[in-house]
């Protein structure tokens, strides 16, 4: 059954922005899919994301987005098998995710995510988080990034860890294989999301800081240790590209692929975070595909 609603005086503008205001819990990607699949019609005609809507326009959805409780991670034993447990305590777990595995579900009932694997092994995590997708997770990694992820096992631990992330008291070290060699030791270029990418924008960008240390280098590549002191989307990827060394294989940001090894090479190697009076450091070993890429790049 179709769903109909009218654009009000405060909602005139882009069709995708108006839909996001009407369904605040649906998620940007799910709403984009509604447009891509032709499920959004304005004044009886198929609408695109950037179409302008005016006061009184009638918007019709042939399929409503899924929101709320339907997004909670579904326990998935297969996903749980893909996770390496790095730390397990009564209040928190830290797991290593492989590259190519999503952190959280984007659709209701989606399997194969870190959150669904955690929900299988630690069922209490499923109900924890400000977003139903969280499943206890207090941060995220891009689907192509491997390494350490933290999940809280209690609401108290979730609040404590989220506050620690928000106030810069979590230290995250990444290892990246890059093309060439960075021309700077750090970047504080402000970042803003533009479609699928993140761009440097000194007017509208959000504050971001990444420090770089070259661990070793070959004639064509370098292994770089990156200390991300903020947590912006694609931060390390965008900052490395900005200083002249995109991550190898990261074609979205200009990185050259490695023969016979798909994807890019960014690994969340170490995370240090507070729990109560303790400061905990957890290391995630390099995955085999990362080691193979190091060899292929002469590193």
Protein backbone atom coordinates (compact mmCIF):
# COMPACT_ATOMS: atom_id res chain seq x y z
CA UNK A 1 0.00 0.00 0.00
CA UNK A 2 1.34 3.44 -0.93
CA UNK A 3 2.04 6.10 1.68
CA UNK A 4 1.14 9.72 0.92
CA UNK A 5 2.13 12.97 2.63
CA UNK A 6 2.28 16.64 1.70
CA UNK A 7 5.24 19.00 1.85
CA UNK A 8 4.76 21.65 4.56
CA UNK A 9 6.03 25.22 4.67
CA UNK A 10 9.11 24.21 6.69
CA UNK A 11 9.99 21.26 4.44
CA UNK A 12 10.20 22.81 0.96
CA UNK A 13 13.51 22.08 -0.74
CA UNK A 14 15.21 18.94 -2.03
CA UNK A 15 13.11 15.79 -2.17
CA UNK A 16 15.72 13.65 -0.37
CA UNK A 17 16.08 16.18 2.46
CA UNK A 18 12.32 16.31 2.93
CA UNK A 19 12.11 12.52 3.02
CA UNK A 20 14.90 12.39 5.62
CA UNK A 21 12.97 14.82 7.81
CA UNK A 22 9.84 12.70 7.48
CA UNK A 23 11.72 9.46 8.28
CA UNK A 24 14.60 10.51 10.60
CA UNK A 25 15.40 6.94 11.67
CA UNK A 26 15.53 5.39 8.20
CA UNK A 27 19.17 6.11 7.34
CA UNK A 28 20.61 7.96 4.35
CA UNK A 29 21.46 4.86 2.31
CA UNK A 30 18.03 3.28 2.69
CA UNK A 31 16.32 6.48 1.57
CA UNK A 32 18.68 6.73 -1.42
CA UNK A 33 17.65 3.21 -2.42
CA UNK A 34 13.98 4.27 -2.45
CA UNK A 35 14.82 6.90 -5.06
CA UNK A 36 17.02 4.53 -7.06
CA UNK A 37 14.26 1.90 -7.15
CA UNK A 38 11.62 4.40 -8.29
CA UNK A 39 9.64 4.16 -5.05
CA UNK A 40 9.35 7.95 -4.61
CA UNK A 41 6.89 9.93 -6.72
CA UNK A 42 6.16 13.66 -6.58
CA UNK A 43 2.97 14.94 -8.18
CA UNK A 44 2.54 11.53 -9.75
CA UNK A 45 5.99 11.41 -11.43
CA UNK A 46 9.09 9.45 -10.41
CA UNK A 47 11.36 11.67 -8.31
CA UNK A 48 15.14 11.94 -8.10
CA UNK A 49 17.04 12.77 -4.91
CA UNK A 50 17.91 16.29 -6.01
CA UNK A 51 14.46 17.24 -7.31
CA UNK A 52 12.95 20.30 -5.68
CA UNK A 53 9.64 20.01 -3.85
CA UNK A 54 7.36 22.91 -3.00
CA UNK A 55 4.79 23.56 -0.28
CA UNK A 56 1.70 21.45 -0.91
CA UNK A 57 3.39 18.96 -3.26
CA UNK A 58 2.14 15.42 -2.71
CA UNK A 59 4.86 12.82 -2.17
CA UNK A 60 3.97 9.18 -2.67
CA UNK A 61 6.03 6.22 -1.46
CA UNK A 62 5.21 2.87 -3.02
CA UNK A 63 7.38 1.22 -0.35
CA UNK A 64 7.88 2.70 3.12
CA UNK A 65 11.36 2.64 4.71
CA UNK A 66 12.06 0.36 7.62
CA UNK A 67 12.79 2.16 10.90
CA UNK A 68 13.28 1.58 14.61
CA UNK A 69 13.34 -1.87 16.16
CA UNK A 70 13.37 -3.66 12.80
CA UNK A 71 17.00 -2.56 12.39
CA UNK A 72 18.31 -4.36 15.47
CA UNK A 73 21.05 -6.83 14.47
CA UNK A 74 19.87 -10.38 13.79
CA UNK A 75 22.09 -12.97 15.54
CA UNK A 76 24.27 -14.60 12.87
CA UNK A 77 26.54 -17.54 13.78
CA UNK A 78 28.33 -17.40 10.41
CA UNK A 79 29.27 -13.75 10.98
CA UNK A 80 30.37 -14.60 14.53
CA UNK A 81 32.83 -17.16 13.14
CA UNK A 82 34.50 -14.47 11.03
CA UNK A 83 35.29 -12.30 14.06
CA UNK A 84 38.49 -12.69 16.07
CA UNK A 85 38.00 -11.96 19.77
CA UNK A 86 40.78 -9.66 20.98
CA UNK A 87 39.39 -8.84 24.45
CA UNK A 88 36.42 -10.11 26.46
CA UNK A 89 35.42 -8.54 29.76
CA UNK A 90 32.13 -8.27 31.66
CA UNK A 91 31.62 -4.70 30.43
CA UNK A 92 33.20 -4.71 26.97
CA UNK A 93 34.42 -6.84 24.07
CA UNK A 94 36.89 -5.97 21.33
CA UNK A 95 36.84 -7.93 18.08
CA UNK A 96 38.82 -7.80 14.85
CA UNK A 97 36.73 -7.55 11.71
CA UNK A 98 37.99 -8.63 8.29
CA UNK A 99 38.04 -6.27 5.32
CA UNK A 100 34.85 -6.50 3.30
CA UNK A 101 32.58 -7.06 6.29
CA UNK A 102 30.08 -4.28 7.12
CA UNK A 103 30.10 -2.97 10.68
CA UNK A 104 26.32 -2.56 11.01
CA UNK A 105 23.21 -3.60 9.07
CA UNK A 106 21.90 -1.19 6.46
CA UNK A 107 18.67 -3.12 5.92
CA UNK A 108 16.28 -4.85 8.30
CA UNK A 109 17.27 -8.47 8.79
CA UNK A 110 20.66 -8.08 7.10
CA UNK A 111 23.17 -10.79 8.03
CA UNK A 112 26.93 -10.90 7.65
CA UNK A 113 27.74 -7.80 9.71
CA UNK A 114 29.96 -7.33 12.75
CA UNK A 115 26.88 -6.31 14.76
CA UNK A 116 25.03 -9.51 13.81
CA UNK A 117 28.04 -11.63 14.75
CA UNK A 118 28.31 -9.87 18.10
CA UNK A 119 24.56 -10.32 18.66
CA UNK A 120 25.01 -14.08 18.27
CA UNK A 121 27.96 -14.42 20.64
CA UNK A 122 26.95 -11.75 23.18
CA UNK A 123 23.13 -11.44 22.99
CA UNK A 124 23.05 -8.67 25.61
CA UNK A 125 24.74 -6.32 23.13
CA UNK A 126 21.78 -6.45 20.75
CA UNK A 127 19.70 -4.08 22.89
CA UNK A 128 22.47 -1.56 23.59
CA UNK A 129 22.95 1.68 21.68
CA UNK A 130 21.40 5.00 20.71
CA UNK A 131 20.80 3.65 17.20
CA UNK A 132 19.06 0.25 16.92
CA UNK A 133 21.81 -0.76 14.45
CA UNK A 134 24.56 -0.29 17.06
CA UNK A 135 24.26 -3.68 18.74
CA UNK A 136 26.60 -2.40 21.46
CA UNK A 137 29.20 -1.05 19.01
CA UNK A 138 30.57 2.32 20.08
CA UNK A 139 32.28 3.19 16.78
CA UNK A 140 32.47 1.97 13.18
CA UNK A 141 34.97 1.01 10.50
CA UNK A 142 34.50 1.30 6.75
CA UNK A 143 33.54 -1.95 5.07
CA UNK A 144 36.97 -2.11 3.40
CA UNK A 145 38.93 -1.48 6.62
CA UNK A 146 40.04 -4.35 8.86
CA UNK A 147 40.89 -4.27 12.55
CA UNK A 148 39.71 -3.55 16.06
CA UNK A 149 36.12 -2.66 16.98
CA UNK A 150 34.77 -2.08 20.50
CA UNK A 151 31.32 -3.15 21.70
CA UNK A 152 29.80 -2.45 25.11
CA UNK A 153 28.00 -5.21 27.03
CA UNK A 154 26.06 -2.84 29.26
CA UNK A 155 24.36 0.50 28.76
CA UNK A 156 26.65 2.05 31.39
CA UNK A 157 29.75 0.95 29.49
CA UNK A 158 28.21 2.17 26.22
CA UNK A 159 27.64 5.65 27.67
CA UNK A 160 31.15 5.76 29.16
CA UNK A 161 32.83 4.72 25.92
CA UNK A 162 30.77 7.01 23.71
CA UNK A 163 31.66 9.90 25.99
CA UNK A 164 35.34 8.92 25.78
CA UNK A 165 35.18 8.94 21.98
CA UNK A 166 33.37 12.28 21.99
CA UNK A 167 35.98 13.93 24.22
CA UNK A 168 39.04 12.58 22.39
CA UNK A 169 40.14 10.12 25.09
CA UNK A 170 40.30 7.15 22.72
CA UNK A 171 43.58 6.71 20.82
CA UNK A 172 43.32 4.92 17.45
CA UNK A 173 46.35 3.79 15.46
CA UNK A 174 45.89 2.62 11.86
CA UNK A 175 48.38 1.04 9.49
CA UNK A 176 48.04 1.91 5.82
CA UNK A 177 49.86 0.88 2.67
CA UNK A 178 50.04 3.98 0.48
CA UNK A 179 51.15 4.96 -2.99
CA UNK A 180 54.37 6.95 -2.83
CA UNK A 181 55.18 8.69 0.44
CA UNK A 182 53.22 11.39 2.37
CA UNK A 183 54.52 14.92 1.87
CA UNK A 184 53.49 15.91 5.41
CA UNK A 185 53.69 14.48 8.92
CA UNK A 186 50.11 15.44 9.74
CA UNK A 187 46.91 16.87 8.33
CA UNK A 188 44.33 18.99 10.09
CA UNK A 189 42.34 19.68 6.93
CA UNK A 190 38.60 19.99 7.76
CA UNK A 191 36.40 17.37 6.10
CA UNK A 192 32.88 17.31 4.69
CA UNK A 193 30.91 14.49 3.07
CA UNK A 194 30.14 14.94 -0.62
CA UNK A 195 28.19 11.99 -1.96
CA UNK A 196 30.20 8.77 -1.59
CA UNK A 197 33.40 10.66 -0.79
CA UNK A 198 34.73 12.99 1.86
CA UNK A 199 36.38 16.20 0.71
CA UNK A 200 38.60 18.83 2.27
CA UNK A 201 36.55 22.00 2.78
CA UNK A 202 38.03 24.90 4.73
CA UNK A 203 34.65 26.69 4.89
CA UNK A 204 32.09 24.02 5.75
CA UNK A 205 34.29 21.09 6.84
CA UNK A 206 34.41 19.58 10.33
CA UNK A 207 37.64 19.65 12.33
CA UNK A 208 39.82 16.56 11.80
CA UNK A 209 43.41 15.64 12.65
CA UNK A 210 45.60 12.74 11.57
CA UNK A 211 49.32 12.32 12.25
CA UNK A 212 51.51 10.20 9.94
CA UNK A 213 54.71 8.24 10.56
CA UNK A 214 56.40 6.32 7.75
CA UNK A 215 57.31 2.90 9.15
CA UNK A 216 59.15 1.75 6.02
CA UNK A 217 59.17 2.52 2.32
CA UNK A 218 60.00 1.03 -1.06
CA UNK A 219 60.54 2.79 -4.37
CA UNK A 220 56.79 2.91 -5.01
CA UNK A 221 54.96 2.49 -1.69
CA UNK A 222 55.15 3.14 2.04
CA UNK A 223 53.74 1.58 5.20
CA UNK A 224 52.36 4.47 7.24
CA UNK A 225 51.25 4.54 10.87
CA UNK A 226 48.31 6.93 11.27
CA UNK A 227 47.13 8.37 14.56
CA UNK A 228 43.54 9.53 14.10
CA UNK A 229 42.73 11.94 16.91
CA UNK A 230 39.23 12.60 15.60
CA UNK A 231 36.73 10.19 14.09
CA UNK A 232 35.35 11.68 10.88
CA UNK A 233 33.98 9.53 8.09
CA UNK A 234 36.80 8.31 5.78
CA UNK A 235 39.19 10.54 7.74
CA UNK A 236 42.43 8.59 7.27
CA UNK A 237 41.61 7.82 3.65
CA UNK A 238 40.84 11.45 2.79
CA UNK A 239 43.81 12.90 4.69
CA UNK A 240 46.32 10.50 3.12
CA UNK A 241 45.01 11.39 -0.34
CA UNK A 242 45.26 15.08 0.58
CA UNK A 243 48.96 14.78 1.48
CA UNK A 244 49.75 13.04 -1.79
CA UNK A 245 49.66 9.37 -0.80
CA UNK A 246 46.27 7.73 -1.30
CA UNK A 247 45.85 4.32 0.25
CA UNK A 248 46.89 1.62 -2.17
CA UNK A 249 43.82 0.03 -3.73
CA UNK A 250 41.53 2.85 -2.58
CA UNK A 251 40.30 3.78 -6.06
CA UNK A 252 37.66 6.13 -4.61
CA UNK A 253 40.48 8.42 -3.44
CA UNK A 254 42.90 7.81 -6.30
CA UNK A 255 44.84 4.80 -5.00
CA UNK A 256 46.27 2.33 -7.53
CA UNK A 257 45.12 -1.30 -7.17
CA UNK A 258 47.41 -4.19 -6.24
CA UNK A 259 47.44 -7.06 -8.71
CA UNK A 260 45.39 -10.09 -7.61
CA UNK A 261 44.36 -8.54 -4.24
CA UNK A 262 41.04 -6.71 -4.14
CA UNK A 263 40.24 -3.70 -2.00
CA UNK A 264 42.34 -1.14 -0.15
CA UNK A 265 44.79 -1.62 2.71
CA UNK A 266 43.86 0.17 5.91
CA UNK A 267 43.98 -1.68 9.24
CA UNK A 268 42.83 -0.47 12.68
CA UNK A 269 45.86 -1.89 14.44
CA UNK A 270 45.62 -0.52 18.00
CA UNK A 271 42.95 1.10 20.13
CA UNK A 272 43.45 2.53 23.62
CA UNK A 273 40.40 3.44 25.69
CA UNK A 274 39.34 4.05 29.31
CA UNK A 275 37.12 1.74 31.35
CA UNK A 276 36.61 3.10 34.85
CA UNK A 277 40.05 3.93 36.22
CA UNK A 278 41.81 1.62 33.75
CA UNK A 279 43.39 2.52 30.42
CA UNK A 280 43.18 -0.48 28.09
CA UNK A 281 45.20 -1.05 24.91
CA UNK A 282 44.20 -3.74 22.42
CA UNK A 283 46.13 -4.73 19.31
CA UNK A 284 44.68 -6.39 16.20
CA UNK A 285 47.19 -8.55 14.26
CA UNK A 286 47.69 -7.84 10.56
CA UNK A 287 45.44 -10.04 8.38
CA UNK A 288 47.00 -12.30 5.76
CA UNK A 289 45.74 -10.17 2.83
CA UNK A 290 47.51 -7.13 4.29
CA UNK A 291 50.74 -9.11 4.65
CA UNK A 292 50.43 -10.29 1.05
CA UNK A 293 49.99 -6.69 -0.11
CA UNK A 294 53.08 -5.62 1.86
CA UNK A 295 55.11 -8.22 0.00
CA UNK A 296 53.61 -7.24 -3.35
CA UNK A 297 54.52 -3.59 -2.71
CA UNK A 298 58.12 -4.37 -1.72
CA UNK A 299 57.51 -3.65 1.95
